[in-house]
Amino acid sequence: MTRAVIAGADTEGLGEALTDEGVDVARAEGTADRPALEEAGIVDADVLVVTDVGLATSIPVAKDLNPGVRVVVYAHDSLPEFAKGQAGHILDPELLEPSFVAEEVADAAA
C-alpha cells in the first residue's frame, strides 16, 4: 500500500482523494517540522505532499529522513527556489483536480 504524508492544510481535499485511491494518508501537524514528520511516518512514506509552500522547509527535512520519498507540491503559490530541486512534481490546484492528482500519485507508486 502506498503511504503519503501531507504537510499543510489541504484545503483542496487531496488527502481525501488519495484515500479514495487506496493510499494510506497521514498528516504532519503544525509546521511539519522534523518531529511532526517523524510522527506522521515520513521514514516509511512513499510520498510527501506539500499543500502550503510556506512549509517548503519540510521538503529537505523529509528527504534527509527518507531519501527515497517522492515529493509532490500541490499549491497555488510558487515554491521557493531552495526546494524546487527536491520536488518531483509541482502542481497547481487551479489546473488539476485533486482526484486526477491522487490517481497519478497512486499509479506512480504501484
PDB file of N, CA and C in Angstrom:
ATOM      1  N   MET A   1       0.837  -1.183   0.000  1.00  0.00           N
ATOM      2  CA  MET A   1       0.000   0.000   0.000  1.00  0.00           C
ATOM      3  C   MET A   1       0.880   1.244   0.000  1.00  0.00           C
ATOM      4  N   THR A   2       0.500   2.201  -0.797  1.00  0.00           N
ATOM      5  CA  THR A   2       1.207   3.477  -0.863  1.00  0.00           C
ATOM      6  C   THR A   2       0.914   4.275   0.393  1.00  0.00           C
ATOM      7  N   ARG A   3       1.968   4.898   0.929  1.00  0.00           N
ATOM      8  CA  ARG A   3       1.816   5.739   2.118  1.00  0.00           C
ATOM      9  C   ARG A   3       2.194   7.160   1.774  1.00  0.00           C
ATOM     10  N   ALA A   4       1.349   8.114   2.145  1.00  0.00           N
ATOM     11  CA  ALA A   4       1.603   9.527   1.885  1.00  0.00           C
ATOM     12  C   ALA A   4       1.505  10.315   3.187  1.00  0.00           C
ATOM     13  N   VAL A   5       2.376  11.301   3.306  1.00  0.00           N
ATOM     14  CA  VAL A   5       2.313  12.253   4.405  1.00  0.00           C
ATOM     15  C   VAL A   5       1.986  13.611   3.795  1.00  0.00           C
ATOM     16  N   ILE A   6       0.981  14.277   4.346  1.00  0.00           N
ATOM     17  CA  ILE A   6       0.584  15.593   3.868  1.00  0.00           C
ATOM     18  C   ILE A   6       1.062  16.645   4.850  1.00  0.00           C
ATOM     19  N   ALA A   7       1.735  17.665   4.305  1.00  0.00           N
ATOM     20  CA  ALA A   7       2.163  18.823   5.083  1.00  0.00           C
ATOM     21  C   ALA A   7       1.381  20.021   4.572  1.00  0.00           C
ATOM     22  N   GLY A   8       0.525  20.569   5.411  1.00  0.00           N
ATOM     23  CA  GLY A   8      -0.283  21.714   5.009  1.00  0.00           C
ATOM     24  C   GLY A   8      -1.756  21.465   5.244  1.00  0.00           C
ATOM     25  N   ALA A   9      -2.524  22.514   5.064  1.00  0.00           N
ATOM     26  CA  ALA A   9      -3.950  22.479   5.404  1.00  0.00           C
ATOM     27  C   ALA A   9      -4.790  21.614   4.470  1.00  0.00           C
ATOM     28  N   ASP A  10      -4.372  21.399   3.247  1.00  0.00           N
ATOM     29  CA  ASP A  10      -5.094  20.556   2.294  1.00  0.00           C
ATOM     30  C   ASP A  10      -6.521  21.046   2.071  1.00  0.00           C
ATOM     31  N   THR A  11      -6.663  22.320   1.775  1.00  0.00           N
ATOM     32  CA  THR A  11      -7.993  22.893   1.551  1.00  0.00           C
ATOM     33  C   THR A  11      -8.655  22.385   0.272  1.00  0.00           C
ATOM     34  N   GLU A  12      -7.875  21.812  -0.623  1.00  0.00           N
ATOM     35  CA  GLU A  12      -8.424  21.308  -1.885  1.00  0.00           C
ATOM     36  C   GLU A  12      -8.972  19.885  -1.761  1.00  0.00           C
ATOM     37  N   GLY A  13      -8.667  19.192  -0.650  1.00  0.00           N
ATOM     38  CA  GLY A  13      -9.182  17.848  -0.446  1.00  0.00           C
ATOM     39  C   GLY A  13      -8.367  16.743  -1.091  1.00  0.00           C
ATOM     40  N   LEU A  14      -7.072  16.990  -1.319  1.00  0.00           N
ATOM     41  CA  LEU A  14      -6.232  15.966  -1.923  1.00  0.00           C
ATOM     42  C   LEU A  14      -6.096  14.745  -1.019  1.00  0.00           C
ATOM     43  N   GLY A  15      -6.033  14.946   0.284  1.00  0.00           N
ATOM     44  CA  GLY A  15      -5.925  13.821   1.211  1.00  0.00           C
ATOM     45  C   GLY A  15      -7.092  12.856   1.080  1.00  0.00           C
ATOM     46  N   GLU A  16      -8.278  13.394   0.977  1.00  0.00           N
ATOM     47  CA  GLU A  16      -9.471  12.551   0.805  1.00  0.00           C
ATOM     48  C   GLU A  16      -9.423  11.822  -0.529  1.00  0.00           C
ATOM     49  N   ALA A  17      -8.989  12.524  -1.576  1.00  0.00           N
ATOM     50  CA  ALA A  17      -8.883  11.901  -2.894  1.00  0.00           C
ATOM     51  C   ALA A  17      -7.837  10.788  -2.885  1.00  0.00           C
ATOM     52  N   LEU A  18      -6.734  10.993  -2.173  1.00  0.00           N
ATOM     53  CA  LEU A  18      -5.711   9.951  -2.049  1.00  0.00           C
ATOM     54  C   LEU A  18      -6.272   8.730  -1.328  1.00  0.00           C
ATOM     55  N   THR A  19      -7.009   8.970  -0.256  1.00  0.00           N
ATOM     56  CA  THR A  19      -7.632   7.880   0.487  1.00  0.00           C
ATOM     57  C   THR A  19      -8.583   7.099  -0.415  1.00  0.00           C
ATOM     58  N   ASP A  20      -9.344   7.804  -1.238  1.00  0.00           N
ATOM     59  CA  ASP A  20     -10.261   7.154  -2.177  1.00  0.00           C
ATOM     60  C   ASP A  20      -9.522   6.268  -3.173  1.00  0.00           C
ATOM     61  N   GLU A  21      -8.262   6.585  -3.444  1.00  0.00           N
ATOM     62  CA  GLU A  21      -7.435   5.796  -4.362  1.00  0.00           C
ATOM     63  C   GLU A  21      -6.694   4.663  -3.648  1.00  0.00           C
ATOM     64  N   GLY A  22      -6.957   4.499  -2.350  1.00  0.00           N
ATOM     65  CA  GLY A  22      -6.328   3.420  -1.600  1.00  0.00           C
ATOM     66  C   GLY A  22      -4.988   3.769  -0.981  1.00  0.00           C
ATOM     67  N   VAL A  23      -4.654   5.046  -0.939  1.00  0.00           N
ATOM     68  CA  VAL A  23      -3.404   5.496  -0.336  1.00  0.00           C
ATOM     69  C   VAL A  23      -3.616   5.697   1.158  1.00  0.00           C
ATOM     70  N   ASP A  24      -2.673   5.227   1.955  1.00  0.00           N
ATOM     71  CA  ASP A  24      -2.692   5.424   3.403  1.00  0.00           C
ATOM     72  C   ASP A  24      -2.145   6.828   3.675  1.00  0.00           C
ATOM     73  N   VAL A  25      -2.982   7.715   4.200  1.00  0.00           N
ATOM     74  CA  VAL A  25      -2.630   9.121   4.370  1.00  0.00           C
ATOM     75  C   VAL A  25      -2.446   9.457   5.846  1.00  0.00           C
ATOM     76  N   ALA A  26      -1.328  10.133   6.131  1.00  0.00           N
ATOM     77  CA  ALA A  26      -1.072  10.681   7.466  1.00  0.00           C
ATOM     78  C   ALA A  26      -0.790  12.166   7.285  1.00  0.00           C
ATOM     79  N   ARG A  27      -0.916  12.910   8.361  1.00  0.00           N
ATOM     80  CA  ARG A  27      -0.714  14.356   8.278  1.00  0.00           C
ATOM     81  C   ARG A  27       0.370  14.795   9.256  1.00  0.00           C
ATOM     82  N   ALA A  28       1.295  15.592   8.734  1.00  0.00           N
ATOM     83  CA  ALA A  28       2.320  16.205   9.575  1.00  0.00           C
ATOM     84  C   ALA A  28       1.709  17.484  10.134  1.00  0.00           C
ATOM     85  N   GLU A  29       1.533  17.524  11.402  1.00  0.00           N
ATOM     86  CA  GLU A  29       0.832  18.631  12.046  1.00  0.00           C
ATOM     87  C   GLU A  29       1.695  19.881  12.161  1.00  0.00           C
ATOM     88  N   GLY A  30       1.036  21.000  12.387  1.00  0.00           N
ATOM     89  CA  GLY A  30       1.722  22.265  12.639  1.00  0.00           C
ATOM     90  C   GLY A  30       2.593  22.704  11.482  1.00  0.00           C
ATOM     91  N   THR A  31       3.857  22.978  11.797  1.00  0.00           N
ATOM     92  CA  THR A  31       4.784  23.473  10.781  1.00  0.00           C
ATOM     93  C   THR A  31       5.471  22.353  10.026  1.00  0.00           C
ATOM     94  N   ALA A  32       5.057  21.133  10.234  1.00  0.00           N
ATOM     95  CA  ALA A  32       5.642  19.958   9.565  1.00  0.00           C
ATOM     96  C   ALA A  32       7.155  19.922   9.770  1.00  0.00           C
ATOM     97  N   ASP A  33       7.558  20.178  11.005  1.00  0.00           N
ATOM     98  CA  ASP A  33       8.979  20.111  11.338  1.00  0.00           C
ATOM     99  C   ASP A  33       9.404  18.650  11.508  1.00  0.00           C
ATOM    100  N   ARG A  34      10.651  18.433  11.825  1.00  0.00           N
ATOM    101  CA  ARG A  34      11.181  17.067  11.914  1.00  0.00           C
ATOM    102  C   ARG A  34      10.355  16.166  12.838  1.00  0.00           C
ATOM    103  N   PRO A  35      10.065  16.589  14.082  1.00  0.00           N
ATOM    104  CA  PRO A  35       9.257  15.710  14.938  1.00  0.00           C
ATOM    105  C   PRO A  35       7.871  15.415  14.359  1.00  0.00           C
ATOM    106  N   ALA A  36       7.243  16.414  13.744  1.00  0.00           N
ATOM    107  CA  ALA A  36       5.907  16.197  13.167  1.00  0.00           C
ATOM    108  C   ALA A  36       5.976  15.241  11.981  1.00  0.00           C
ATOM    109  N   LEU A  37       7.002  15.380  11.162  1.00  0.00           N
ATOM    110  CA  LEU A  37       7.170  14.463  10.022  1.00  0.00           C
ATOM    111  C   LEU A  37       7.438  13.046  10.508  1.00  0.00           C
ATOM    112  N   GLU A  38       8.289  12.908  11.521  1.00  0.00           N
ATOM    113  CA  GLU A  38       8.577  11.579  12.065  1.00  0.00           C
ATOM    114  C   GLU A  38       7.327  10.958  12.651  1.00  0.00           C
ATOM    115  N   GLU A  39       6.553  11.748  13.388  1.00  0.00           N
ATOM    116  CA  GLU A  39       5.322  11.238  13.995  1.00  0.00           C
ATOM    117  C   GLU A  39       4.306  10.810  12.922  1.00  0.00           C
ATOM    118  N   ALA A  40       4.298  11.508  11.805  1.00  0.00           N
ATOM    119  CA  ALA A  40       3.379  11.177  10.713  1.00  0.00           C
ATOM    120  C   ALA A  40       3.847   9.963   9.911  1.00  0.00           C
ATOM    121  N   GLY A  41       5.088   9.523  10.125  1.00  0.00           N
ATOM    122  CA  GLY A  41       5.574   8.325   9.456  1.00  0.00           C
ATOM    123  C   GLY A  41       6.355   8.570   8.177  1.00  0.00           C
ATOM    124  N   ILE A  42       7.009   9.714   8.065  1.00  0.00           N
ATOM    125  CA  ILE A  42       7.735  10.026   6.838  1.00  0.00           C
ATOM    126  C   ILE A  42       8.840   9.020   6.536  1.00  0.00           C
ATOM    127  N   VAL A  43       9.407   8.399   7.554  1.00  0.00           N
ATOM    128  CA  VAL A  43      10.503   7.448   7.346  1.00  0.00           C
ATOM    129  C   VAL A  43      10.057   6.281   6.469  1.00  0.00           C
ATOM    130  N   ASP A  44       8.800   5.891   6.582  1.00  0.00           N
ATOM    131  CA  ASP A  44       8.267   4.766   5.801  1.00  0.00           C
ATOM    132  C   ASP A  44       7.350   5.201   4.656  1.00  0.00           C
ATOM    133  N   ALA A  45       7.220   6.503   4.446  1.00  0.00           N
ATOM    134  CA  ALA A  45       6.287   7.003   3.429  1.00  0.00           C
ATOM    135  C   ALA A  45       6.877   6.887   2.027  1.00  0.00           C
ATOM    136  N   ASP A  46       5.985   6.784   1.062  1.00  0.00           N
ATOM    137  CA  ASP A  46       6.374   6.785  -0.344  1.00  0.00           C
ATOM    138  C   ASP A  46       6.352   8.193  -0.919  1.00  0.00           C
ATOM    139  N   VAL A  47       5.456   9.033  -0.373  1.00  0.00           N
ATOM    140  CA  VAL A  47       5.219  10.360  -0.934  1.00  0.00           C
ATOM    141  C   VAL A  47       5.039  11.385   0.179  1.00  0.00           C
ATOM    142  N   LEU A  48       5.643  12.556  -0.005  1.00  0.00           N
ATOM    143  CA  LEU A  48       5.354  13.727   0.810  1.00  0.00           C
ATOM    144  C   LEU A  48       4.563  14.674  -0.074  1.00  0.00           C
ATOM    145  N   VAL A  49       3.392  15.072   0.381  1.00  0.00           N
ATOM    146  CA  VAL A  49       2.563  16.032  -0.345  1.00  0.00           C
ATOM    147  C   VAL A  49       2.570  17.332   0.446  1.00  0.00           C
ATOM    148  N   VAL A  50       3.042  18.394  -0.184  1.00  0.00           N
ATOM    149  CA  VAL A  50       3.086  19.711   0.456  1.00  0.00           C
ATOM    150  C   VAL A  50       1.981  20.556  -0.165  1.00  0.00           C
ATOM    151  N   THR A  51       1.039  20.999   0.663  1.00  0.00           N
ATOM    152  CA  THR A  51      -0.092  21.777   0.165  1.00  0.00           C
ATOM    153  C   THR A  51       0.006  23.248   0.539  1.00  0.00           C
ATOM    154  N   ASP A  52       1.085  23.617   1.204  1.00  0.00           N
ATOM    155  CA  ASP A  52       1.310  25.003   1.623  1.00  0.00           C
ATOM    156  C   ASP A  52       2.788  25.296   1.410  1.00  0.00           C
ATOM    157  N   VAL A  53       3.123  26.163   0.448  1.00  0.00           N
ATOM    158  CA  VAL A  53       4.532  26.429   0.152  1.00  0.00           C
ATOM    159  C   VAL A  53       5.256  27.092   1.325  1.00  0.00           C
ATOM    160  N   GLY A  54       4.512  27.602   2.278  1.00  0.00           N
ATOM    161  CA  GLY A  54       5.117  28.127   3.497  1.00  0.00           C
ATOM    162  C   GLY A  54       5.786  27.030   4.323  1.00  0.00           C
ATOM    163  N   LEU A  55       5.482  25.782   4.002  1.00  0.00           N
ATOM    164  CA  LEU A  55       6.077  24.639   4.696  1.00  0.00           C
ATOM    165  C   LEU A  55       7.146  23.965   3.831  1.00  0.00           C
ATOM    166  N   ALA A  56       7.723  24.710   2.906  1.00  0.00           N
ATOM    167  CA  ALA A  56       8.724  24.167   1.986  1.00  0.00           C
ATOM    168  C   ALA A  56       9.946  23.615   2.712  1.00  0.00           C
ATOM    169  N   THR A  57      10.236  24.112   3.896  1.00  0.00           N
ATOM    170  CA  THR A  57      11.386  23.577   4.637  1.00  0.00           C
ATOM    171  C   THR A  57      11.166  22.129   5.053  1.00  0.00           C
ATOM    172  N   SER A  58       9.935  21.667   5.007  1.00  0.00           N
ATOM    173  CA  SER A  58       9.681  20.259   5.325  1.00  0.00           C
ATOM    174  C   SER A  58      10.249  19.335   4.250  1.00  0.00           C
ATOM    175  N   ILE A  59      10.468  19.848   3.054  1.00  0.00           N
ATOM    176  CA  ILE A  59      10.951  19.006   1.959  1.00  0.00           C
ATOM    177  C   ILE A  59      12.368  18.497   2.219  1.00  0.00           C
ATOM    178  N   PRO A  60      13.364  19.371   2.470  1.00  0.00           N
ATOM    179  CA  PRO A  60      14.699  18.834   2.736  1.00  0.00           C
ATOM    180  C   PRO A  60      14.758  17.990   4.013  1.00  0.00           C
ATOM    181  N   VAL A  61      13.939  18.324   4.994  1.00  0.00           N
ATOM    182  CA  VAL A  61      13.911  17.532   6.227  1.00  0.00           C
ATOM    183  C   VAL A  61      13.389  16.128   5.917  1.00  0.00           C
ATOM    184  N   ALA A  62      12.314  16.043   5.147  1.00  0.00           N
ATOM    185  CA  ALA A  62      11.756  14.739   4.767  1.00  0.00           C
ATOM    186  C   ALA A  62      12.755  13.940   3.948  1.00  0.00           C
ATOM    187  N   LYS A  63      13.455  14.600   3.018  1.00  0.00           N
ATOM    188  CA  LYS A  63      14.445  13.912   2.193  1.00  0.00           C
ATOM    189  C   LYS A  63      15.626  13.429   3.038  1.00  0.00           C
ATOM    190  N   ASP A  64      15.947  14.154   4.083  1.00  0.00           N
ATOM    191  CA  ASP A  64      17.007  13.723   4.996  1.00  0.00           C
ATOM    192  C   ASP A  64      16.575  12.465   5.753  1.00  0.00           C
ATOM    193  N   LEU A  65      15.328  12.421   6.172  1.00  0.00           N
ATOM    194  CA  LEU A  65      14.805  11.280   6.914  1.00  0.00           C
ATOM    195  C   LEU A  65      14.513  10.080   6.015  1.00  0.00           C
ATOM    196  N   ASN A  66      14.152  10.350   4.772  1.00  0.00           N
ATOM    197  CA  ASN A  66      13.777   9.295   3.828  1.00  0.00           C
ATOM    198  C   ASN A  66      14.213   9.736   2.426  1.00  0.00           C
ATOM    199  N   PRO A  67      15.458   9.450   2.058  1.00  0.00           N
ATOM    200  CA  PRO A  67      15.970   9.926   0.766  1.00  0.00           C
ATOM    201  C   PRO A  67      15.158   9.470  -0.446  1.00  0.00           C
ATOM    202  N   GLY A  68      14.423   8.391  -0.333  1.00  0.00           N
ATOM    203  CA  GLY A  68      13.648   7.883  -1.454  1.00  0.00           C
ATOM    204  C   GLY A  68      12.239   8.434  -1.569  1.00  0.00           C
ATOM    205  N   VAL A  69      11.835   9.276  -0.638  1.00  0.00           N
ATOM    206  CA  VAL A  69      10.468   9.794  -0.667  1.00  0.00           C
ATOM    207  C   VAL A  69      10.281  10.703  -1.878  1.00  0.00           C
ATOM    208  N   ARG A  70       9.164  10.521  -2.588  1.00  0.00           N
ATOM    209  CA  ARG A  70       8.806  11.403  -3.694  1.00  0.00           C
ATOM    210  C   ARG A  70       8.091  12.619  -3.119  1.00  0.00           C
ATOM    211  N   VAL A  71       8.314  13.765  -3.723  1.00  0.00           N
ATOM    212  CA  VAL A  71       7.699  14.993  -3.228  1.00  0.00           C
ATOM    213  C   VAL A  71       6.756  15.553  -4.286  1.00  0.00           C
ATOM    214  N   VAL A  72       5.525  15.775  -3.864  1.00  0.00           N
ATOM    215  CA  VAL A  72       4.520  16.401  -4.711  1.00  0.00           C
ATOM    216  C   VAL A  72       4.077  17.680  -4.005  1.00  0.00           C
ATOM    217  N   VAL A  73       4.212  18.788  -4.701  1.00  0.00           N
ATOM    218  CA  VAL A  73       3.731  20.069  -4.175  1.00  0.00           C
ATOM    219  C   VAL A  73       2.435  20.386  -4.912  1.00  0.00           C
ATOM    220  N   TYR A  74       1.370  20.558  -4.163  1.00  0.00           N
ATOM    221  CA  TYR A  74       0.043  20.826  -4.718  1.00  0.00           C
ATOM    222  C   TYR A  74      -0.463  22.101  -4.060  1.00  0.00           C
ATOM    223  N   ALA A  75      -0.077  23.239  -4.649  1.00  0.00           N
ATOM    224  CA  ALA A  75      -0.365  24.519  -4.010  1.00  0.00           C
ATOM    225  C   ALA A  75      -0.525  25.612  -5.065  1.00  0.00           C
ATOM    226  N   HIS A  76      -1.211  26.675  -4.671  1.00  0.00           N
ATOM    227  CA  HIS A  76      -1.460  27.801  -5.560  1.00  0.00           C
ATOM    228  C   HIS A  76      -0.228  28.691  -5.733  1.00  0.00           C
ATOM    229  N   ASP A  77       0.598  28.804  -4.740  1.00  0.00           N
ATOM    230  CA  ASP A  77       1.727  29.722  -4.755  1.00  0.00           C
ATOM    231  C   ASP A  77       2.991  29.061  -5.283  1.00  0.00           C
ATOM    232  N   SER A  78       3.989  29.870  -5.578  1.00  0.00           N
ATOM    233  CA  SER A  78       5.266  29.372  -6.087  1.00  0.00           C
ATOM    234  C   SER A  78       6.108  28.793  -4.962  1.00  0.00           C
ATOM    235  N   LEU A  79       6.782  27.721  -5.273  1.00  0.00           N
ATOM    236  CA  LEU A  79       7.684  27.073  -4.321  1.00  0.00           C
ATOM    237  C   LEU A  79       8.991  27.851  -4.288  1.00  0.00           C
ATOM    238  N   PRO A  80       9.569  28.084  -3.106  1.00  0.00           N
ATOM    239  CA  PRO A  80      10.858  28.773  -3.031  1.00  0.00           C
ATOM    240  C   PRO A  80      11.940  28.006  -3.799  1.00  0.00           C
ATOM    241  N   GLU A  81      12.879  28.740  -4.341  1.00  0.00           N
ATOM    242  CA  GLU A  81      13.946  28.153  -5.159  1.00  0.00           C
ATOM    243  C   GLU A  81      14.692  27.027  -4.447  1.00  0.00           C
ATOM    244  N   PHE A  82      14.979  27.194  -3.151  1.00  0.00           N
ATOM    245  CA  PHE A  82      15.777  26.194  -2.441  1.00  0.00           C
ATOM    246  C   PHE A  82      15.126  24.813  -2.436  1.00  0.00           C
ATOM    247  N   ALA A  83      13.815  24.755  -2.613  1.00  0.00           N
ATOM    248  CA  ALA A  83      13.108  23.477  -2.538  1.00  0.00           C
ATOM    249  C   ALA A  83      12.744  22.905  -3.909  1.00  0.00           C
ATOM    250  N   LYS A  84      12.829  23.700  -4.952  1.00  0.00           N
ATOM    251  CA  LYS A  84      12.390  23.242  -6.274  1.00  0.00           C
ATOM    252  C   LYS A  84      13.146  22.015  -6.771  1.00  0.00           C
ATOM    253  N   GLY A  85      14.423  21.931  -6.489  1.00  0.00           N
ATOM    254  CA  GLY A  85      15.221  20.808  -6.969  1.00  0.00           C
ATOM    255  C   GLY A  85      14.879  19.486  -6.308  1.00  0.00           C
ATOM    256  N   GLN A  86      14.231  19.532  -5.153  1.00  0.00           N
ATOM    257  CA  GLN A  86      13.880  18.313  -4.442  1.00  0.00           C
ATOM    258  C   GLN A  86      12.431  17.900  -4.654  1.00  0.00           C
ATOM    259  N   ALA A  87      11.668  18.748  -5.308  1.00  0.00           N
ATOM    260  CA  ALA A  87      10.258  18.446  -5.560  1.00  0.00           C
ATOM    261  C   ALA A  87      10.139  17.714  -6.887  1.00  0.00           C
ATOM    262  N   GLY A  88       9.525  16.547  -6.854  1.00  0.00           N
ATOM    263  CA  GLY A  88       9.339  15.777  -8.072  1.00  0.00           C
ATOM    264  C   GLY A  88       8.282  16.374  -8.977  1.00  0.00           C
ATOM    265  N   HIS A  89       7.197  16.850  -8.381  1.00  0.00           N
ATOM    266  CA  HIS A  89       6.092  17.433  -9.147  1.00  0.00           C
ATOM    267  C   HIS A  89       5.590  18.664  -8.418  1.00  0.00           C
ATOM    268  N   ILE A  90       5.414  19.732  -9.161  1.00  0.00           N
ATOM    269  CA  ILE A  90       4.851  20.965  -8.617  1.00  0.00           C
ATOM    270  C   ILE A  90       3.578  21.232  -9.412  1.00  0.00           C
ATOM    271  N   LEU A  91       2.435  21.106  -8.747  1.00  0.00           N
ATOM    272  CA  LEU A  91       1.140  21.153  -9.416  1.00  0.00           C
ATOM    273  C   LEU A  91       0.263  22.260  -8.846  1.00  0.00           C
ATOM    274  N   ASP A  92      -0.478  22.910  -9.717  1.00  0.00           N
ATOM    275  CA  ASP A  92      -1.371  23.994  -9.330  1.00  0.00           C
ATOM    276  C   ASP A  92      -2.808  23.465  -9.253  1.00  0.00           C
ATOM    277  N   PRO A  93      -3.458  23.620  -8.106  1.00  0.00           N
ATOM    278  CA  PRO A  93      -4.849  23.162  -7.971  1.00  0.00           C
ATOM    279  C   PRO A  93      -5.808  23.829  -8.955  1.00  0.00           C
ATOM    280  N   GLU A  94      -5.435  24.990  -9.493  1.00  0.00           N
ATOM    281  CA  GLU A  94      -6.279  25.654 -10.480  1.00  0.00           C
ATOM    282  C   GLU A  94      -6.301  24.871 -11.797  1.00  0.00           C
ATOM    283  N   LEU A  95      -5.259  24.073 -12.024  1.00  0.00           N
ATOM    284  CA  LEU A  95      -5.135  23.354 -13.286  1.00  0.00           C
ATOM    285  C   LEU A  95      -5.497  21.878 -13.200  1.00  0.00           C
ATOM    286  N   LEU A  96      -5.310  21.278 -12.031  1.00  0.00           N
ATOM    287  CA  LEU A  96      -5.531  19.834 -11.884  1.00  0.00           C
ATOM    288  C   LEU A  96      -6.403  19.543 -10.667  1.00  0.00           C
ATOM    289  N   GLU A  97      -7.439  18.775 -10.887  1.00  0.00           N
ATOM    290  CA  GLU A  97      -8.352  18.377  -9.813  1.00  0.00           C
ATOM    291  C   GLU A  97      -7.662  17.418  -8.845  1.00  0.00           C
ATOM    292  N   PRO A  98      -8.054  17.432  -7.576  1.00  0.00           N
ATOM    293  CA  PRO A  98      -7.464  16.509  -6.598  1.00  0.00           C
ATOM    294  C   PRO A  98      -7.587  15.043  -7.009  1.00  0.00           C
ATOM    295  N   SER A  99      -8.707  14.659  -7.598  1.00  0.00           N
ATOM    296  CA  SER A  99      -8.896  13.258  -7.977  1.00  0.00           C
ATOM    297  C   SER A  99      -7.881  12.827  -9.032  1.00  0.00           C
ATOM    298  N   PHE A 100      -7.565  13.703  -9.976  1.00  0.00           N
ATOM    299  CA  PHE A 100      -6.579  13.381 -11.005  1.00  0.00           C
ATOM    300  C   PHE A 100      -5.192  13.226 -10.391  1.00  0.00           C
ATOM    301  N   VAL A 101      -4.821  14.161  -9.525  1.00  0.00           N
ATOM    302  CA  VAL A 101      -3.513  14.105  -8.868  1.00  0.00           C
ATOM    303  C   VAL A 101      -3.408  12.848  -8.018  1.00  0.00           C
ATOM    304  N   ALA A 102      -4.454  12.536  -7.275  1.00  0.00           N
ATOM    305  CA  ALA A 102      -4.454  11.339  -6.423  1.00  0.00           C
ATOM    306  C   ALA A 102      -4.293  10.074  -7.247  1.00  0.00           C
ATOM    307  N   GLU A 103      -4.977  10.005  -8.363  1.00  0.00           N
ATOM    308  CA  GLU A 103      -4.862   8.831  -9.236  1.00  0.00           C
ATOM    309  C   GLU A 103      -3.424   8.679  -9.744  1.00  0.00           C
ATOM    310  N   GLU A 104      -2.815   9.775 -10.138  1.00  0.00           N
ATOM    311  CA  GLU A 104      -1.432   9.737 -10.634  1.00  0.00           C
ATOM    312  C   GLU A 104      -0.451   9.338  -9.536  1.00  0.00           C
ATOM    313  N   VAL A 105      -0.652   9.867  -8.330  1.00  0.00           N
ATOM    314  CA  VAL A 105       0.219   9.519  -7.206  1.00  0.00           C
ATOM    315  C   VAL A 105       0.098   8.035  -6.893  1.00  0.00           C
ATOM    316  N   ALA A 106      -1.115   7.525  -6.845  1.00  0.00           N
ATOM    317  CA  ALA A 106      -1.350   6.112  -6.545  1.00  0.00           C
ATOM    318  C   ALA A 106      -0.763   5.222  -7.630  1.00  0.00           C
ATOM    319  N   ASP A 107      -0.957   5.592  -8.903  1.00  0.00           N
ATOM    320  CA  ASP A 107      -0.440   4.799 -10.012  1.00  0.00           C
ATOM    321  C   ASP A 107       1.083   4.795 -10.048  1.00  0.00           C
ATOM    322  N   ALA A 108       1.698   5.924  -9.748  1.00  0.00           N
ATOM    323  CA  ALA A 108       3.158   6.027  -9.786  1.00  0.00           C
ATOM    324  C   ALA A 108       3.818   5.160  -8.723  1.00  0.00           C
ATOM    325  N   ALA A 109       3.126   4.964  -7.625  1.00  0.00           N
ATOM    326  CA  ALA A 109       3.690   4.169  -6.535  1.00  0.00           C
ATOM    327  C   ALA A 109       3.438   2.684  -6.709  1.00  0.00           C
ATOM    328  N   ALA A 110       2.536   2.333  -7.594  1.00  0.00           N
ATOM    329  CA  ALA A 110       2.181   0.920  -7.781  1.00  0.00           C
ATOM    330  C   ALA A 110       3.247   0.153  -8.540  1.00  0.00           C
TER     331      ALA A 110
END
